[in-house]
Every structure is written in structure tokens, then in C-alpha cells.
Amino acid sequence: MFKSNEKLFQAVNELIANLEKRGSISAAQELKKGFRLINGLTDGWALFLESIERLQNILPADSDADDLKNLLSIYETVYFAVYRKKPKPWWQLG
């Protein structure tokens, strides 16, 4: 999990750039769309979380391991922001 929103936002932007560079345009667009919904309120974070969860069905099976690791960290941080607890173990990457 990230120690600050600034670090989280930097990681999200880096992941979006990596996805675009690797040709995962639909995944990058989904992440961008959700990221724009953060408005400082819980509902914005919840909508971003839903967007992250949709990536499971969008990301190619051969996604970069570092990207998946970063996505998991982003997911855990956003999940905690919404629910104030660590995520359930259903999110299995890599």
C-alpha cells in the first residue's frame, strides 16, 4: 500500500503509461476513466475501485509482472480507502 495519495497517483499514471506503451489500450482507458472519478469522497474512490476490478477481465494473460504487482498495490490501497480494511483475497494476480 502507498504511504500517500501522491505516491498512489504517481503509480496509477505510470501504470496507465505502461499499459498504453504495451498496447493494452482498453485497460489503460478503463483505468483512466476510473481515476478521473476520484473526487475526494468515498463514492469517487468506490467508482475507481470498480474500474480497477474490471481490469481483471480486460488485461491480457501475458501482462507484465511488474505492472500486475503495481496494479495489486493500487487495488489494495484503493480498497482500503473505500472499506477501511485490507481487501478480500479474491484478487489474485500473476
Protein backbone atom coordinates (compact mmCIF):
# COMPACT_ATOMS: atom_id res chain seq x y z
CA MET A 1 0.00 0.00 0.00
CA PHE A 2 1.13 3.52 -0.68
CA LYS A 3 2.09 5.96 2.06
CA SER A 4 0.49 8.97 0.37
CA ASN A 5 -2.06 9.83 -2.29
CA GLU A 6 0.73 11.49 -4.25
CA LYS A 7 2.62 8.17 -4.47
CA LEU A 8 -0.59 6.36 -5.38
CA PHE A 9 -1.45 8.84 -8.11
CA GLN A 10 2.09 8.62 -9.50
CA ALA A 11 1.83 4.82 -9.61
CA VAL A 12 -1.53 4.99 -11.38
CA ASN A 13 -0.19 7.38 -14.01
CA GLU A 14 2.89 5.18 -14.53
CA LEU A 15 0.70 2.09 -14.90
CA ILE A 16 -1.53 3.84 -17.43
CA ALA A 17 1.56 4.86 -19.43
CA ASN A 18 2.94 1.31 -19.30
CA LEU A 19 -0.36 -0.19 -20.42
CA GLU A 20 -0.55 2.21 -23.34
CA LYS A 21 3.06 1.50 -24.28
CA ARG A 22 2.42 -2.25 -24.24
CA GLY A 23 -0.71 -1.91 -26.38
CA SER A 24 -3.29 -2.59 -23.65
CA ILE A 25 -5.30 0.44 -24.72
CA SER A 26 -8.68 -0.71 -23.35
CA ALA A 27 -7.13 -1.43 -19.94
CA ALA A 28 -5.42 1.96 -19.91
CA GLN A 29 -8.67 3.68 -20.86
CA GLU A 30 -10.61 1.88 -18.13
CA LEU A 31 -8.04 2.84 -15.53
CA LYS A 32 -8.02 6.47 -16.73
CA LYS A 33 -11.81 6.61 -16.64
CA GLY A 34 -11.95 5.35 -13.08
CA PHE A 35 -9.05 7.51 -11.94
CA ARG A 36 -10.88 10.63 -13.11
CA LEU A 37 -13.79 9.75 -10.82
CA ILE A 38 -11.79 10.32 -7.64
CA ASN A 39 -13.34 13.40 -6.11
CA GLY A 40 -12.16 13.22 -2.52
CA LEU A 41 -15.33 11.45 -1.42
CA THR A 42 -15.80 7.76 -0.75
CA ASP A 43 -18.10 7.34 -3.75
CA GLY A 44 -15.36 8.51 -6.12
CA TRP A 45 -12.90 6.06 -4.60
CA ALA A 46 -15.53 3.29 -4.82
CA LEU A 47 -16.07 4.00 -8.53
CA PHE A 48 -12.31 3.91 -9.08
CA LEU A 49 -12.19 0.57 -7.24
CA GLU A 50 -14.86 -0.83 -9.57
CA SER A 51 -12.81 0.31 -12.54
CA ILE A 52 -9.72 -1.44 -11.16
CA GLU A 53 -11.73 -4.63 -10.62
CA ARG A 54 -12.90 -4.56 -14.24
CA LEU A 55 -9.26 -4.76 -15.32
CA GLN A 56 -9.23 -8.44 -14.37
CA ASN A 57 -11.32 -9.15 -17.46
CA ILE A 58 -9.50 -6.69 -19.72
CA LEU A 59 -5.81 -7.29 -19.07
CA PRO A 60 -4.11 -9.78 -21.37
CA ALA A 61 -2.98 -13.05 -19.83
CA ASP A 62 0.64 -12.23 -20.63
CA SER A 63 0.65 -8.86 -18.82
CA ASP A 64 3.93 -7.61 -17.43
CA ALA A 65 4.61 -8.96 -13.93
CA ASP A 66 5.71 -5.55 -12.63
CA ASP A 67 2.52 -3.97 -13.96
CA LEU A 68 0.46 -6.64 -12.21
CA LYS A 69 2.36 -6.09 -8.97
CA ASN A 70 1.74 -2.33 -9.19
CA LEU A 71 -1.91 -2.92 -10.00
CA LEU A 72 -2.25 -5.12 -6.93
CA SER A 73 -0.71 -2.39 -4.74
CA ILE A 74 -3.04 0.19 -6.27
CA TYR A 75 -6.01 -2.12 -5.74
CA GLU A 76 -5.12 -2.77 -2.09
CA THR A 77 -4.69 0.94 -1.39
CA VAL A 78 -7.96 1.95 -3.05
CA TYR A 79 -9.84 -0.94 -1.42
CA PHE A 80 -8.58 0.23 1.96
CA ALA A 81 -9.64 3.82 1.18
CA VAL A 82 -13.18 2.61 0.49
CA TYR A 83 -13.67 -0.07 3.14
CA ARG A 84 -11.02 0.79 5.76
CA LYS A 85 -9.80 -2.78 5.80
CA LYS A 86 -7.49 -4.92 3.73
CA PRO A 87 -9.01 -6.46 0.60
CA LYS A 88 -10.51 -9.89 0.44
CA PRO A 89 -8.13 -12.49 -1.03
CA TRP A 90 -10.10 -12.96 -4.27
CA TRP A 91 -7.73 -10.64 -6.14
CA GLN A 92 -5.07 -13.00 -7.40
CA LEU A 93 -2.60 -11.60 -9.88
CA GLY A 94 0.33 -13.26 -11.57
